Each structure stands twice: as structure tokens, then as C-alpha cells.
Amino acid sequence: MAKKEFSFRGRNLEELQALSLEEFMELLPSRERRSFDRGFDDTKKKIIEKIEKKGKVKTHKRDMIVTPNM
């Protein structure tokens, strides 16, 4: 059985990682776009900093939007 390739809205992972944040936001549903427009609170900013340092992070933030650069 062949391994299924990851895709999001018809784009594979490499194409998603090549997109800018604004282009990626156009692919998201309205709720996620609205969250990006409002900005991140302090806890979400800390999680983003941890991800940039370590790569993988365990978190309980269920409302955090996962972007391709994560």
C-alpha cells in the first residue's frame, strides 16, 4: 500500500512552506484568518519562540493555529 502524501487545500507540504504568511492566510477558513488578524497573545508568542528554538513542543493550547513553518 502506498503512503498517502500530505496535502492541504490541494497543495502539498513543499508548496505550503514556500507560501508567504499572507498567501497562506488566504487558504485558511475565516475563523483562523480572523485570529491571525487579531494577533497573538503572550502565551502563543511563547509557544512560537519555543518552536523556533527546539522544533517540537508539547502544548495544551488547542486554539493555536499551526502554520507550515512550524
PDB file of N, CA and C in Angstrom:
ATOM      1  N   MET A   1       0.839  -1.167   0.000  1.00  0.00           N
ATOM      2  CA  MET A   1       0.000   0.000   0.000  1.00  0.00           C
ATOM      3  C   MET A   1       0.895   1.244   0.000  1.00  0.00           C
ATOM      4  N   ALA A   2       0.570   2.187  -0.829  1.00  0.00           N
ATOM      5  CA  ALA A   2       1.368   3.406  -0.940  1.00  0.00           C
ATOM      6  C   ALA A   2       1.041   4.364   0.200  1.00  0.00           C
ATOM      7  N   LYS A   3       2.041   5.095   0.634  1.00  0.00           N
ATOM      8  CA  LYS A   3       1.853   6.073   1.704  1.00  0.00           C
ATOM      9  C   LYS A   3       1.158   7.302   1.129  1.00  0.00           C
ATOM     10  N   LYS A   4       0.139   7.760   1.811  1.00  0.00           N
ATOM     11  CA  LYS A   4      -0.616   8.915   1.352  1.00  0.00           C
ATOM     12  C   LYS A   4       0.193  10.187   1.574  1.00  0.00           C
ATOM     13  N   GLU A   5       0.273  11.012   0.549  1.00  0.00           N
ATOM     14  CA  GLU A   5       1.030  12.260   0.637  1.00  0.00           C
ATOM     15  C   GLU A   5       0.167  13.331   1.305  1.00  0.00           C
ATOM     16  N   PHE A   6       0.777  14.113   2.203  1.00  0.00           N
ATOM     17  CA  PHE A   6       0.060  15.175   2.910  1.00  0.00           C
ATOM     18  C   PHE A   6      -0.315  16.279   1.933  1.00  0.00           C
ATOM     19  N   SER A   7      -1.547  16.766   2.043  1.00  0.00           N
ATOM     20  CA  SER A   7      -1.969  17.917   1.252  1.00  0.00           C
ATOM     21  C   SER A   7      -2.983  18.719   2.061  1.00  0.00           C
ATOM     22  N   PHE A   8      -3.009  20.017   1.815  1.00  0.00           N
ATOM     23  CA  PHE A   8      -3.955  20.919   2.466  1.00  0.00           C
ATOM     24  C   PHE A   8      -4.514  21.829   1.399  1.00  0.00           C
ATOM     25  N   ARG A   9      -5.796  21.729   1.174  1.00  0.00           N
ATOM     26  CA  ARG A   9      -6.483  22.516   0.156  1.00  0.00           C
ATOM     27  C   ARG A   9      -5.830  22.364  -1.218  1.00  0.00           C
ATOM     28  N   GLY A  10      -5.425  21.135  -1.537  1.00  0.00           N
ATOM     29  CA  GLY A  10      -4.870  20.833  -2.849  1.00  0.00           C
ATOM     30  C   GLY A  10      -3.402  21.171  -3.019  1.00  0.00           C
ATOM     31  N   ARG A  11      -2.715  21.528  -1.954  1.00  0.00           N
ATOM     32  CA  ARG A  11      -1.287  21.870  -2.040  1.00  0.00           C
ATOM     33  C   ARG A  11      -0.496  20.945  -1.133  1.00  0.00           C
ATOM     34  N   ASN A  12       0.663  20.497  -1.614  1.00  0.00           N
ATOM     35  CA  ASN A  12       1.495  19.613  -0.791  1.00  0.00           C
ATOM     36  C   ASN A  12       2.335  20.446   0.177  1.00  0.00           C
ATOM     37  N   LEU A  13       3.091  19.771   1.027  1.00  0.00           N
ATOM     38  CA  LEU A  13       3.827  20.440   2.100  1.00  0.00           C
ATOM     39  C   LEU A  13       4.876  21.409   1.567  1.00  0.00           C
ATOM     40  N   GLU A  14       5.580  21.032   0.507  1.00  0.00           N
ATOM     41  CA  GLU A  14       6.618  21.915  -0.046  1.00  0.00           C
ATOM     42  C   GLU A  14       6.014  23.212  -0.579  1.00  0.00           C
ATOM     43  N   GLU A  15       4.870  23.105  -1.252  1.00  0.00           N
ATOM     44  CA  GLU A  15       4.209  24.309  -1.767  1.00  0.00           C
ATOM     45  C   GLU A  15       3.724  25.201  -0.625  1.00  0.00           C
ATOM     46  N   LEU A  16       3.213  24.588   0.437  1.00  0.00           N
ATOM     47  CA  LEU A  16       2.737  25.370   1.582  1.00  0.00           C
ATOM     48  C   LEU A  16       3.878  26.094   2.277  1.00  0.00           C
ATOM     49  N   GLN A  17       5.026  25.437   2.411  1.00  0.00           N
ATOM     50  CA  GLN A  17       6.165  26.065   3.071  1.00  0.00           C
ATOM     51  C   GLN A  17       6.734  27.205   2.234  1.00  0.00           C
ATOM     52  N   ALA A  18       6.526  27.173   0.930  1.00  0.00           N
ATOM     53  CA  ALA A  18       7.027  28.229   0.060  1.00  0.00           C
ATOM     54  C   ALA A  18       6.131  29.467   0.085  1.00  0.00           C
ATOM     55  N   LEU A  19       4.905  29.338   0.575  1.00  0.00           N
ATOM     56  CA  LEU A  19       3.974  30.466   0.600  1.00  0.00           C
ATOM     57  C   LEU A  19       4.358  31.477   1.673  1.00  0.00           C
ATOM     58  N   SER A  20       4.049  32.732   1.406  1.00  0.00           N
ATOM     59  CA  SER A  20       4.202  33.749   2.449  1.00  0.00           C
ATOM     60  C   SER A  20       3.019  33.617   3.407  1.00  0.00           C
ATOM     61  N   LEU A  21       3.093  34.298   4.529  1.00  0.00           N
ATOM     62  CA  LEU A  21       2.028  34.204   5.525  1.00  0.00           C
ATOM     63  C   LEU A  21       0.701  34.734   4.973  1.00  0.00           C
ATOM     64  N   GLU A  22       0.751  35.797   4.183  1.00  0.00           N
ATOM     65  CA  GLU A  22      -0.471  36.361   3.609  1.00  0.00           C
ATOM     66  C   GLU A  22      -1.110  35.393   2.620  1.00  0.00           C
ATOM     67  N   GLU A  23      -0.285  34.726   1.802  1.00  0.00           N
ATOM     68  CA  GLU A  23      -0.814  33.753   0.845  1.00  0.00           C
ATOM     69  C   GLU A  23      -1.397  32.545   1.575  1.00  0.00           C
ATOM     70  N   PHE A  24      -0.739  32.133   2.657  1.00  0.00           N
ATOM     71  CA  PHE A  24      -1.250  31.009   3.433  1.00  0.00           C
ATOM     72  C   PHE A  24      -2.566  31.368   4.106  1.00  0.00           C
ATOM     73  N   MET A  25      -2.699  32.602   4.567  1.00  0.00           N
ATOM     74  CA  MET A  25      -3.929  33.037   5.226  1.00  0.00           C
ATOM     75  C   MET A  25      -5.124  32.963   4.289  1.00  0.00           C
ATOM     76  N   GLU A  26      -4.900  33.165   2.986  1.00  0.00           N
ATOM     77  CA  GLU A  26      -5.997  33.087   2.026  1.00  0.00           C
ATOM     78  C   GLU A  26      -6.571  31.675   1.931  1.00  0.00           C
ATOM     79  N   LEU A  27      -5.772  30.666   2.265  1.00  0.00           N
ATOM     80  CA  LEU A  27      -6.230  29.280   2.211  1.00  0.00           C
ATOM     81  C   LEU A  27      -7.022  28.878   3.453  1.00  0.00           C
ATOM     82  N   LEU A  28      -6.874  29.632   4.539  1.00  0.00           N
ATOM     83  CA  LEU A  28      -7.498  29.275   5.810  1.00  0.00           C
ATOM     84  C   LEU A  28      -8.973  29.662   5.842  1.00  0.00           C
ATOM     85  N   PRO A  29      -9.753  28.974   6.670  1.00  0.00           N
ATOM     86  CA  PRO A  29     -11.135  29.391   6.901  1.00  0.00           C
ATOM     87  C   PRO A  29     -11.175  30.738   7.631  1.00  0.00           C
ATOM     88  N   SER A  30     -12.336  31.358   7.661  1.00  0.00           N
ATOM     89  CA  SER A  30     -12.455  32.715   8.190  1.00  0.00           C
ATOM     90  C   SER A  30     -12.073  32.817   9.666  1.00  0.00           C
ATOM     91  N   ARG A  31     -12.369  31.804  10.469  1.00  0.00           N
ATOM     92  CA  ARG A  31     -12.051  31.863  11.902  1.00  0.00           C
ATOM     93  C   ARG A  31     -10.550  31.974  12.127  1.00  0.00           C
ATOM     94  N   GLU A  32      -9.757  31.187  11.399  1.00  0.00           N
ATOM     95  CA  GLU A  32      -8.306  31.232  11.550  1.00  0.00           C
ATOM     96  C   GLU A  32      -7.728  32.532  10.997  1.00  0.00           C
ATOM     97  N   ARG A  33      -8.281  33.016   9.878  1.00  0.00           N
ATOM     98  CA  ARG A  33      -7.820  34.306   9.331  1.00  0.00           C
ATOM     99  C   ARG A  33      -8.061  35.418  10.337  1.00  0.00           C
ATOM    100  N   ARG A  34      -9.205  35.377  10.981  1.00  0.00           N
ATOM    101  CA  ARG A  34      -9.545  36.396  11.967  1.00  0.00           C
ATOM    102  C   ARG A  34      -8.593  36.349  13.158  1.00  0.00           C
ATOM    103  N   SER A  35      -8.212  35.155  13.584  1.00  0.00           N
ATOM    104  CA  SER A  35      -7.262  35.018  14.693  1.00  0.00           C
ATOM    105  C   SER A  35      -5.912  35.611  14.328  1.00  0.00           C
ATOM    106  N   PHE A  36      -5.462  35.389  13.089  1.00  0.00           N
ATOM    107  CA  PHE A  36      -4.196  35.972  12.642  1.00  0.00           C
ATOM    108  C   PHE A  36      -4.283  37.493  12.601  1.00  0.00           C
ATOM    109  N   ASP A  37      -5.404  38.015  12.126  1.00  0.00           N
ATOM    110  CA  ASP A  37      -5.565  39.468  12.046  1.00  0.00           C
ATOM    111  C   ASP A  37      -5.535  40.121  13.425  1.00  0.00           C
ATOM    112  N   ARG A  38      -6.086  39.449  14.424  1.00  0.00           N
ATOM    113  CA  ARG A  38      -6.111  40.000  15.779  1.00  0.00           C
ATOM    114  C   ARG A  38      -4.760  39.929  16.469  1.00  0.00           C
ATOM    115  N   GLY A  39      -3.884  39.049  16.009  1.00  0.00           N
ATOM    116  CA  GLY A  39      -2.563  38.925  16.615  1.00  0.00           C
ATOM    117  C   GLY A  39      -2.536  37.836  17.670  1.00  0.00           C
ATOM    118  N   PHE A  40      -1.357  37.618  18.244  1.00  0.00           N
ATOM    119  CA  PHE A  40      -1.157  36.557  19.222  1.00  0.00           C
ATOM    120  C   PHE A  40      -1.035  37.142  20.619  1.00  0.00           C
ATOM    121  N   ASP A  41      -1.575  36.416  21.602  1.00  0.00           N
ATOM    122  CA  ASP A  41      -1.389  36.834  22.986  1.00  0.00           C
ATOM    123  C   ASP A  41      -0.030  36.334  23.482  1.00  0.00           C
ATOM    124  N   ASP A  42       0.297  36.628  24.734  1.00  0.00           N
ATOM    125  CA  ASP A  42       1.625  36.307  25.272  1.00  0.00           C
ATOM    126  C   ASP A  42       1.913  34.811  25.286  1.00  0.00           C
ATOM    127  N   THR A  43       0.919  33.994  25.621  1.00  0.00           N
ATOM    128  CA  THR A  43       1.169  32.550  25.686  1.00  0.00           C
ATOM    129  C   THR A  43       1.452  31.973  24.306  1.00  0.00           C
ATOM    130  N   LYS A  44       0.753  32.447  23.298  1.00  0.00           N
ATOM    131  CA  LYS A  44       1.000  31.962  21.933  1.00  0.00           C
ATOM    132  C   LYS A  44       2.358  32.427  21.431  1.00  0.00           C
ATOM    133  N   LYS A  45       2.767  33.637  21.808  1.00  0.00           N
ATOM    134  CA  LYS A  45       4.091  34.125  21.415  1.00  0.00           C
ATOM    135  C   LYS A  45       5.191  33.274  22.035  1.00  0.00           C
ATOM    136  N   LYS A  46       5.002  32.852  23.292  1.00  0.00           N
ATOM    137  CA  LYS A  46       5.986  31.989  23.952  1.00  0.00           C
ATOM    138  C   LYS A  46       6.086  30.643  23.251  1.00  0.00           C
ATOM    139  N   ILE A  47       4.958  30.102  22.830  1.00  0.00           N
ATOM    140  CA  ILE A  47       4.966  28.818  22.129  1.00  0.00           C
ATOM    141  C   ILE A  47       5.707  28.942  20.803  1.00  0.00           C
ATOM    142  N   ILE A  48       5.485  30.024  20.087  1.00  0.00           N
ATOM    143  CA  ILE A  48       6.171  30.239  18.810  1.00  0.00           C
ATOM    144  C   ILE A  48       7.673  30.343  19.025  1.00  0.00           C
ATOM    145  N   GLU A  49       8.097  31.037  20.083  1.00  0.00           N
ATOM    146  CA  GLU A  49       9.529  31.138  20.386  1.00  0.00           C
ATOM    147  C   GLU A  49      10.122  29.775  20.712  1.00  0.00           C
ATOM    148  N   LYS A  50       9.391  28.940  21.474  1.00  0.00           N
ATOM    149  CA  LYS A  50       9.872  27.596  21.796  1.00  0.00           C
ATOM    150  C   LYS A  50      10.007  26.744  20.540  1.00  0.00           C
ATOM    151  N   ILE A  51       9.050  26.862  19.644  1.00  0.00           N
ATOM    152  CA  ILE A  51       9.096  26.085  18.406  1.00  0.00           C
ATOM    153  C   ILE A  51      10.295  26.494  17.567  1.00  0.00           C
ATOM    154  N   GLU A  52      10.589  27.789  17.516  1.00  0.00           N
ATOM    155  CA  GLU A  52      11.744  28.257  16.744  1.00  0.00           C
ATOM    156  C   GLU A  52      13.046  27.724  17.325  1.00  0.00           C
ATOM    157  N   LYS A  53      13.120  27.573  18.655  1.00  0.00           N
ATOM    158  CA  LYS A  53      14.341  27.080  19.294  1.00  0.00           C
ATOM    159  C   LYS A  53      14.474  25.564  19.191  1.00  0.00           C
ATOM    160  N   LYS A  54      13.429  24.833  19.587  1.00  0.00           N
ATOM    161  CA  LYS A  54      13.511  23.385  19.722  1.00  0.00           C
ATOM    162  C   LYS A  54      13.039  22.614  18.497  1.00  0.00           C
ATOM    163  N   GLY A  55      12.006  23.055  17.865  1.00  0.00           N
ATOM    164  CA  GLY A  55      11.439  22.307  16.757  1.00  0.00           C
ATOM    165  C   GLY A  55      10.116  21.663  17.133  1.00  0.00           C
ATOM    166  N   LYS A  56      10.135  20.743  18.113  1.00  0.00           N
ATOM    167  CA  LYS A  56       8.912  20.090  18.567  1.00  0.00           C
ATOM    168  C   LYS A  56       8.619  20.534  19.992  1.00  0.00           C
ATOM    169  N   VAL A  57       7.358  20.853  20.248  1.00  0.00           N
ATOM    170  CA  VAL A  57       6.955  21.324  21.568  1.00  0.00           C
ATOM    171  C   VAL A  57       5.605  20.700  21.908  1.00  0.00           C
ATOM    172  N   LYS A  58       5.472  20.223  23.133  1.00  0.00           N
ATOM    173  CA  LYS A  58       4.179  19.737  23.611  1.00  0.00           C
ATOM    174  C   LYS A  58       3.440  20.911  24.239  1.00  0.00           C
ATOM    175  N   THR A  59       2.165  21.048  23.910  1.00  0.00           N
ATOM    176  CA  THR A  59       1.392  22.160  24.438  1.00  0.00           C
ATOM    177  C   THR A  59      -0.067  21.761  24.601  1.00  0.00           C
ATOM    178  N   HIS A  60      -0.767  22.488  25.451  1.00  0.00           N
ATOM    179  CA  HIS A  60      -2.195  22.281  25.641  1.00  0.00           C
ATOM    180  C   HIS A  60      -3.001  23.408  24.995  1.00  0.00           C
ATOM    181  N   LYS A  61      -2.360  24.261  24.207  1.00  0.00           N
ATOM    182  CA  LYS A  61      -3.055  25.361  23.539  1.00  0.00           C
ATOM    183  C   LYS A  61      -3.796  24.804  22.331  1.00  0.00           C
ATOM    184  N   ARG A  62      -5.057  24.502  22.501  1.00  0.00           N
ATOM    185  CA  ARG A  62      -5.828  23.876  21.434  1.00  0.00           C
ATOM    186  C   ARG A  62      -6.263  24.858  20.363  1.00  0.00           C
ATOM    187  N   ASP A  63      -6.287  26.133  20.683  1.00  0.00           N
ATOM    188  CA  ASP A  63      -6.728  27.114  19.709  1.00  0.00           C
ATOM    189  C   ASP A  63      -5.571  27.708  18.910  1.00  0.00           C
ATOM    190  N   MET A  64      -4.372  27.174  19.086  1.00  0.00           N
ATOM    191  CA  MET A  64      -3.195  27.653  18.353  1.00  0.00           C
ATOM    192  C   MET A  64      -3.270  27.184  16.904  1.00  0.00           C
ATOM    193  N   ILE A  65      -3.043  28.085  15.977  1.00  0.00           N
ATOM    194  CA  ILE A  65      -3.079  27.764  14.558  1.00  0.00           C
ATOM    195  C   ILE A  65      -1.697  27.299  14.136  1.00  0.00           C
ATOM    196  N   VAL A  66      -1.635  26.141  13.498  1.00  0.00           N
ATOM    197  CA  VAL A  66      -0.369  25.573  13.064  1.00  0.00           C
ATOM    198  C   VAL A  66      -0.088  26.052  11.648  1.00  0.00           C
ATOM    199  N   THR A  67       1.048  26.715  11.471  1.00  0.00           N
ATOM    200  CA  THR A  67       1.448  27.204  10.156  1.00  0.00           C
ATOM    201  C   THR A  67       2.493  26.276   9.558  1.00  0.00           C
ATOM    202  N   PRO A  68       2.717  26.318   8.248  1.00  0.00           N
ATOM    203  CA  PRO A  68       3.674  25.409   7.619  1.00  0.00           C
ATOM    204  C   PRO A  68       5.101  25.547   8.135  1.00  0.00           C
ATOM    205  N   ASN A  69       5.512  26.718   8.604  1.00  0.00           N
ATOM    206  CA  ASN A  69       6.881  26.862   9.093  1.00  0.00           C
ATOM    207  C   ASN A  69       7.078  26.203  10.448  1.00  0.00           C
ATOM    208  N   MET A  70       6.004  25.770  11.090  1.00  0.00           N
ATOM    209  CA  MET A  70       6.113  25.070  12.369  1.00  0.00           C
ATOM    210  C   MET A  70       6.417  23.623  12.104  1.00  0.00           C
TER     211      MET A  70
END
